[in-house]
Protein backbone atom coordinates (compact mmCIF):
# COMPACT_ATOMS: atom_id res chain seq x y z
CA UNK A 1 0.00 0.00 0.00
CA UNK A 2 1.02 3.57 -0.65
CA UNK A 3 -0.06 6.33 1.74
CA UNK A 4 0.05 9.99 0.67
CA UNK A 5 -0.95 13.55 1.42
CA UNK A 6 -1.69 16.07 -1.32
CA UNK A 7 -3.30 19.34 -2.29
CA UNK A 8 -5.99 19.67 -4.94
CA UNK A 9 -7.82 22.89 -5.68
CA UNK A 10 -6.46 24.44 -2.48
CA UNK A 11 -7.70 21.52 -0.36
CA UNK A 12 -5.51 19.06 1.53
CA UNK A 13 -6.28 15.39 0.99
CA UNK A 14 -4.94 12.32 2.77
CA UNK A 15 -5.35 8.73 1.70
CA UNK A 16 -4.15 5.86 -0.45
CA UNK A 17 -2.44 5.90 -3.82
CA UNK A 18 -4.22 3.25 -5.89
CA UNK A 19 -2.85 2.73 -9.38
CA UNK A 20 -2.68 6.25 -10.84
CA UNK A 21 -5.18 7.91 -8.48
CA UNK A 22 -5.27 9.24 -4.93
CA UNK A 23 -8.24 8.12 -2.86
CA UNK A 24 -9.10 9.76 0.45
CA UNK A 25 -9.34 7.59 3.56
CA UNK A 26 -12.85 8.86 4.19
CA UNK A 27 -14.58 10.08 7.36
CA UNK A 28 -12.03 12.88 7.62
CA UNK A 29 -9.25 10.47 8.60
CA UNK A 30 -5.66 11.68 8.32
CA UNK A 31 -2.31 9.95 7.90
CA UNK A 32 -1.70 10.62 11.59
CA UNK A 33 -4.94 8.77 12.42
CA UNK A 34 -3.95 5.82 10.24
CA UNK A 35 -0.48 5.59 11.78
CA UNK A 36 -2.00 5.69 15.26
CA UNK A 37 -4.41 2.87 14.34
CA UNK A 38 -1.62 0.68 12.99
CA UNK A 39 -0.85 -1.33 9.90
CA UNK A 40 -3.60 -3.94 10.30
CA UNK A 41 -6.25 -1.23 10.50
CA UNK A 42 -4.79 0.43 7.41
CA UNK A 43 -5.08 -2.84 5.49
CA UNK A 44 -8.72 -3.15 6.56
CA UNK A 45 -9.46 0.39 5.36
CA UNK A 46 -7.71 -0.28 2.07
CA UNK A 47 -9.73 -3.44 1.45
CA UNK A 48 -13.00 -1.60 2.16
CA UNK A 49 -12.10 1.00 -0.43
CA UNK A 50 -11.19 -1.64 -3.01
CA UNK A 51 -14.49 -3.42 -2.42
CA UNK A 52 -16.32 -0.15 -3.01
CA UNK A 53 -15.31 0.38 -6.62
CA UNK A 54 -16.92 3.82 -6.74
CA UNK A 55 -14.47 5.07 -4.10
CA UNK A 56 -11.54 4.37 -6.40
CA UNK A 57 -13.15 5.82 -9.52
CA UNK A 58 -14.02 8.92 -7.52
CA UNK A 59 -10.38 9.39 -6.67
CA UNK A 60 -8.27 12.12 -8.21
CA UNK A 61 -5.64 11.43 -10.89
CA UNK A 62 -2.12 11.73 -9.51
CA UNK A 63 -1.32 14.13 -12.33
CA UNK A 64 -3.90 16.57 -10.94
CA UNK A 65 -2.54 16.84 -7.40
CA UNK A 66 0.56 18.29 -5.76
CA UNK A 67 2.01 15.80 -3.32
CA UNK A 68 2.85 16.94 0.20
CA UNK A 69 5.20 15.27 2.64
CA UNK A 70 3.43 11.97 3.32
CA UNK A 71 3.63 12.50 7.08
CA UNK A 72 3.71 15.45 9.46
CA UNK A 73 6.47 14.02 11.68
CA UNK A 74 6.11 13.83 15.42
CA UNK A 75 9.92 13.83 15.46
CA UNK A 76 12.80 13.04 13.12
CA UNK A 77 15.79 11.02 14.26
CA UNK A 78 18.58 10.76 11.71
CA UNK A 79 21.10 7.94 12.16
CA UNK A 80 24.57 7.44 10.70
CA UNK A 81 24.69 3.74 9.84
CA UNK A 82 26.76 3.40 6.66
CA UNK A 83 30.44 2.76 7.39
CA UNK A 84 31.46 3.80 3.87
CA UNK A 85 29.80 7.21 4.35
CA UNK A 86 31.67 7.75 7.63
CA UNK A 87 34.97 6.81 5.99
CA UNK A 88 34.53 9.35 3.19
CA UNK A 89 33.24 12.24 5.26
CA UNK A 90 35.97 11.78 7.87
CA UNK A 91 38.57 12.00 5.11
CA UNK A 92 37.24 15.43 4.22
CA UNK A 93 36.94 16.68 7.80
CA UNK A 94 40.05 15.09 9.36
CA UNK A 95 42.25 14.69 6.29
CA UNK A 96 42.25 10.90 6.58
CA UNK A 97 39.65 8.16 6.43
CA UNK A 98 38.72 7.14 9.95
CA UNK A 99 35.80 5.42 11.66
CA UNK A 100 35.79 5.93 15.41
CA UNK A 101 35.59 2.69 17.43
CA UNK A 102 32.53 4.13 19.16
CA UNK A 103 30.64 4.10 15.84
CA UNK A 104 30.58 0.30 15.93
CA UNK A 105 29.19 0.16 19.46
CA UNK A 106 25.73 1.65 18.89
CA UNK A 107 23.69 3.27 16.07
CA UNK A 108 24.19 6.97 16.78
CA UNK A 109 21.59 9.56 15.72
CA UNK A 110 20.65 13.21 16.11
CA UNK A 111 17.26 14.93 16.13
CA UNK A 112 16.52 17.24 13.22
CA UNK A 113 13.78 19.80 12.60
CA UNK A 114 10.26 18.43 11.92
CA UNK A 115 9.03 21.95 11.06
CA UNK A 116 11.03 22.43 7.85
CA UNK A 117 9.97 19.28 6.03
CA UNK A 118 9.53 19.63 2.27
CA UNK A 119 7.80 17.50 -0.32
CA UNK A 120 9.08 16.20 -3.61
CA UNK A 121 8.73 18.97 -6.16
CA UNK A 122 9.21 21.81 -3.68
CA UNK A 123 12.08 24.21 -4.20
CA UNK A 124 14.72 24.37 -1.48
CA UNK A 125 15.80 27.83 -0.30
CA UNK A 126 18.96 27.14 1.71
CA UNK A 127 20.87 29.44 4.03
CA UNK A 128 23.86 31.30 2.61
CA UNK A 129 26.43 28.54 2.20
CA UNK A 130 29.35 27.66 -0.04
CA UNK A 131 29.00 23.90 0.44
CA UNK A 132 25.39 22.87 -0.07
CA UNK A 133 24.96 19.11 -0.11
CA UNK A 134 22.26 16.43 -0.22
CA UNK A 135 22.02 13.15 1.72
CA UNK A 136 20.26 10.12 0.24
CA UNK A 137 18.48 8.07 2.91
CA UNK A 138 15.71 5.58 3.50
CA UNK A 139 13.41 6.51 6.38
CA UNK A 140 11.13 4.35 8.50
CA UNK A 141 7.80 5.79 9.64
CA UNK A 142 6.53 4.54 13.00
CA UNK A 143 2.97 3.32 13.53
CA UNK A 144 1.14 1.81 16.46
CA UNK A 145 2.60 -1.26 18.13
CA UNK A 146 0.19 -4.21 18.28
CA UNK A 147 0.59 -4.38 22.06
CA UNK A 148 0.88 -0.63 22.57
CA UNK A 149 4.55 -0.83 23.59
CA UNK A 150 6.59 2.31 22.87
CA UNK A 151 9.58 2.15 25.23
CA UNK A 152 12.58 -0.16 25.61
CA UNK A 153 11.60 -2.34 22.69
CA UNK A 154 13.66 -5.43 22.00
CA UNK A 155 14.99 -5.66 18.43
CA UNK A 156 12.83 -8.71 17.74
CA UNK A 157 9.71 -6.71 18.70
CA UNK A 158 10.62 -3.40 17.09
CA UNK A 159 9.78 -4.48 13.53
CA UNK A 160 6.10 -4.50 14.47
CA UNK A 161 6.04 -0.72 15.00
CA UNK A 162 7.50 0.10 11.57
CA UNK A 163 4.45 1.14 9.54
CA UNK A 164 6.34 1.80 6.32
CA UNK A 165 9.18 3.52 4.52
CA UNK A 166 9.75 6.69 2.53
CA UNK A 167 12.67 8.45 0.83
CA UNK A 168 14.51 11.09 2.84
CA UNK A 169 16.88 13.85 1.69
CA UNK A 170 18.71 15.48 4.59
CA UNK A 171 19.96 18.74 3.03
CA UNK A 172 23.25 19.91 4.54
CA UNK A 173 25.27 23.13 4.56
CA UNK A 174 28.67 21.57 5.15
CA UNK A 175 30.55 24.77 5.97
CA UNK A 176 28.01 25.73 8.64
CA UNK A 177 27.97 22.18 9.95
CA UNK A 178 31.78 22.01 10.18
CA UNK A 179 31.94 25.15 12.31
CA UNK A 180 29.28 24.13 14.80
CA UNK A 181 30.55 20.55 15.14
CA UNK A 182 33.83 21.92 16.46
CA UNK A 183 31.84 22.94 19.55
CA UNK A 184 31.04 19.21 20.02
CA UNK A 185 27.32 19.75 19.68
CA UNK A 186 24.92 19.55 16.80
CA UNK A 187 24.60 19.51 13.87
CA UNK A 188 22.20 22.42 14.08
CA UNK A 189 21.97 25.24 11.52
CA UNK A 190 23.99 23.18 9.06
CA UNK A 191 21.01 20.83 8.85
CA UNK A 192 17.73 22.18 10.17
CA UNK A 193 16.65 24.29 7.18
CA UNK A 194 15.14 21.48 5.13
CA UNK A 195 14.45 17.74 4.94
CA UNK A 196 12.53 16.14 2.09
CA UNK A 197 10.21 13.18 2.70
CA UNK A 198 8.30 11.46 -0.06
CA UNK A 199 6.78 10.87 -2.42
CA UNK A 200 4.62 8.61 -0.22
CA UNK A 201 4.86 5.97 2.50
CA UNK A 202 5.05 2.39 1.26
CA UNK A 203 3.88 -0.03 3.94
CA UNK A 204 6.47 -2.30 5.51
CA UNK A 205 4.91 -5.54 4.26
CA UNK A 206 5.74 -4.51 0.69
CA UNK A 207 9.44 -4.87 1.52
CA UNK A 208 9.40 -8.42 2.87
CA UNK A 209 10.59 -9.66 -0.53
CA UNK A 210 13.75 -7.54 -0.23
CA UNK A 211 14.89 -8.75 3.21
CA UNK A 212 18.17 -10.66 3.08
CA UNK A 213 19.10 -13.53 5.38
CA UNK A 214 20.37 -11.09 8.03
CA UNK A 215 17.23 -8.95 8.07
CA UNK A 216 18.62 -6.07 6.00
CA UNK A 217 16.69 -4.43 3.15
CA UNK A 218 18.58 -5.20 -0.06
CA UNK A 219 17.04 -2.40 -2.11
CA UNK A 220 18.86 -0.09 -4.50
CA UNK A 221 19.17 3.63 -3.81
CA UNK A 222 20.53 6.20 -6.28
CA UNK A 223 20.92 9.96 -6.58
CA UNK A 224 21.37 12.14 -9.66
CA UNK A 225 22.23 15.82 -9.99
CA UNK A 226 21.00 17.43 -13.20
CA UNK A 227 20.52 13.95 -14.63
CA UNK A 228 24.05 12.72 -13.85
CA UNK A 229 24.38 9.69 -11.57
CA UNK A 230 26.39 10.74 -8.50
CA UNK A 231 25.93 7.83 -6.13
CA UNK A 232 24.26 4.45 -5.74
CA UNK A 233 24.23 1.81 -3.04
CA UNK A 234 22.28 -1.04 -1.51
CA UNK A 235 20.48 -0.11 1.70
CA UNK A 236 21.56 -3.49 3.06
CA UNK A 237 25.05 -1.99 3.57
CA UNK A 238 23.76 -0.39 6.80
CA UNK A 239 25.59 -1.42 9.95
CA UNK A 240 22.28 -2.23 11.67
CA UNK A 241 18.87 -3.26 10.26
CA UNK A 242 15.95 -0.94 10.88
CA UNK A 243 14.35 -2.86 13.77
CA UNK A 244 17.57 -2.41 15.73
CA UNK A 245 17.50 1.34 15.02
CA UNK A 246 13.94 1.51 16.34
CA UNK A 247 14.88 -0.52 19.41
CA UNK A 248 17.82 1.76 20.14
CA UNK A 249 15.69 4.89 19.67
CA UNK A 250 13.20 3.50 22.21
CA UNK A 251 15.85 2.75 24.82
CA UNK A 252 14.91 4.63 28.00
CA UNK A 253 12.68 6.71 25.75
CA UNK A 254 9.63 6.31 23.47
CA UNK A 255 8.89 5.90 19.80
CA UNK A 256 5.37 6.98 18.84
CA UNK A 257 3.22 6.93 15.69
CA UNK A 258 4.47 9.62 13.30
CA UNK A 259 8.11 9.41 14.35
CA UNK A 260 10.51 9.25 11.40
CA UNK A 261 13.87 7.44 11.61
CA UNK A 262 16.38 8.11 8.83
CA UNK A 263 18.90 5.44 7.91
CA UNK A 264 21.69 7.93 7.53
CA UNK A 265 23.37 8.63 4.22
CA UNK A 266 24.07 5.63 2.00
CA UNK A 267 27.64 4.99 0.88
CA UNK A 268 29.25 5.16 -2.54
CA UNK A 269 28.30 8.78 -3.24
CA UNK A 270 25.13 9.13 -1.19
CA UNK A 271 26.26 12.68 -0.51
CA UNK A 272 28.83 15.06 -1.96
CA UNK A 273 30.63 15.32 1.37
CA UNK A 274 31.74 11.70 1.14
CA UNK A 275 33.09 12.24 -2.38
CA UNK A 276 34.86 15.46 -1.38
CA UNK A 277 36.72 13.48 1.28
CA UNK A 278 37.67 10.69 -1.10
CA UNK A 279 38.69 13.13 -3.86
CA UNK A 280 40.40 15.54 -1.41
CA UNK A 281 38.62 18.48 -3.02
CA UNK A 282 35.21 19.82 -4.01
CA UNK A 283 34.65 17.28 -6.78
CA UNK A 284 31.79 17.06 -7.72
CA UNK A 285 31.08 20.73 -6.97
CA UNK A 286 28.67 21.89 -4.25
CA UNK A 287 25.05 22.39 -5.24
CA UNK A 288 24.09 25.72 -6.79
CA UNK A 289 20.76 27.51 -7.42
CA UNK A 290 19.06 25.87 -10.38
CA UNK A 291 20.50 22.41 -9.75
CA UNK A 292 18.01 19.53 -9.64
CA UNK A 293 18.50 16.62 -7.26
CA UNK A 294 16.61 13.39 -7.97
CA UNK A 295 16.65 10.42 -5.58
CA UNK A 296 15.21 6.98 -6.26
CA UNK A 297 14.82 4.01 -3.94
CA UNK A 298 13.65 0.65 -5.20
CA UNK A 299 10.15 -0.23 -4.06
CA UNK A 300 9.22 3.39 -3.32
CA UNK A 301 9.83 5.70 -6.27
CA UNK A 302 11.49 9.06 -6.73
CA UNK A 303 11.73 12.49 -5.14
CA UNK A 304 12.93 15.48 -7.17
CA UNK A 305 13.80 18.94 -5.84
CA UNK A 306 15.39 22.02 -7.34
CA UNK A 307 17.72 24.43 -5.52
CA UNK A 308 16.35 27.95 -5.22
CA UNK A 309 17.96 31.19 -4.16
CA UNK A 310 19.61 31.22 -0.72
CA UNK A 311 17.94 33.19 2.05
CA UNK A 312 20.20 35.56 4.01
CA UNK A 313 19.43 35.66 7.74
CA UNK A 314 19.95 38.46 10.29
CA UNK A 315 23.43 38.42 11.78
CA UNK A 316 23.96 37.22 15.35
CA UNK A 317 26.90 38.86 17.17
CA UNK A 318 29.75 36.69 18.49
CA UNK A 319 29.97 35.75 22.18
CA UNK A 320 30.98 38.54 24.56
CA UNK A 321 33.88 37.95 26.89
CA UNK A 322 32.40 38.30 30.40
CA UNK A 323 34.06 39.05 33.73
CA UNK A 324 32.77 35.89 35.44
CA UNK A 325 31.90 37.99 38.46
CA UNK A 326 29.91 36.02 41.05
CA UNK A 327 28.13 38.98 42.68
CA UNK A 328 26.57 42.19 41.40
C-alpha cells in the first residue's frame, strides 16, 4: 500500500495511492490517524475502499494533485549507519579516512527539525552557504505497536512498530555544519533548514521480498544531480537493520506513531561530502541555485527537488567575553 498527502484545488487530501489515483481515507481520517491505528487497521481500510469500486473511480488522478510530505512528523531522528559514508566524510573533515571505534558500538543519531519538512517537487531555499549538499536516505515511519509498547523495545519486537518507509533527503550546509561541530554539539543550523520526505509511504509488508538472510533491506538507492548519476548503493550496507535502530531509539525513551527514523546517508556517493573526502577536493562541486537533485529508492519511487535562491538571515553577534563575576 502507498499512503500519501496532497493538495488539490487548495484543499488538503490524505489517503491511499491506488494505481494512478489518490483516494481519500474517508470520514475525515488523516495519515496521523492511520499511523495511530496501525498497519492492520490500514489494510482493513484499504480493502474496504477496493471493495467499493466507486471510491476508487471517484479518486483524483495523480497528475492533478501536488504531493505533500506523506507524514507530518512527530519527530525526526537521523542515524549514521553506513560505514562507507563515515569513511569518506571523515577523510574530508580530518584529512584521513577514519571510523571511530565508538561508531561500531551503537547506532548513533541526532534529532533534526520536523518543522522544515519539504515534499518532492518543492524548491529548497537554503541558508547562505558555499558547500550545499544532499544526503540520500531511506526513512522508517513509525505506527502503532500491536501491544501498545513504545519504550525499551527489544529488536525482535521493534519491527512491528514500523508502519512503512519513505525516501529522505537530509539537506546539509557543510561549511556551517563544520563550524558548529567543532563545539562538540549539533549539527544544528547546518542541517535544520530542510528535509525532504516522499513521495509517499510504502507499507512495511511490501518490503518483505527484499529482506536478506540477516534482516537487511537489499534495495537499491541512487541519486542524480541534473541527470548525472552521483551515487548508488544497496540499503543493506547499513551497519544495523531498521528494527535495531527503532529498538535503540526506544531505549529509556519512546517511539510513537508519526516518528521518522532516517537510515543515515548511503555509501558510494550518497552525498557530496563523502566524495569530497575521497577526492580531497570539491569534486563534484557543491550544489548551486538551479541544480536539480533526484533520488530513487527501489520499491518506493522518486523524489525530485530544485535548488532555489539562498535566504540571508539576520546576523547574530559573536559571544561577549564576560568578567565571570559572582556577585553584582
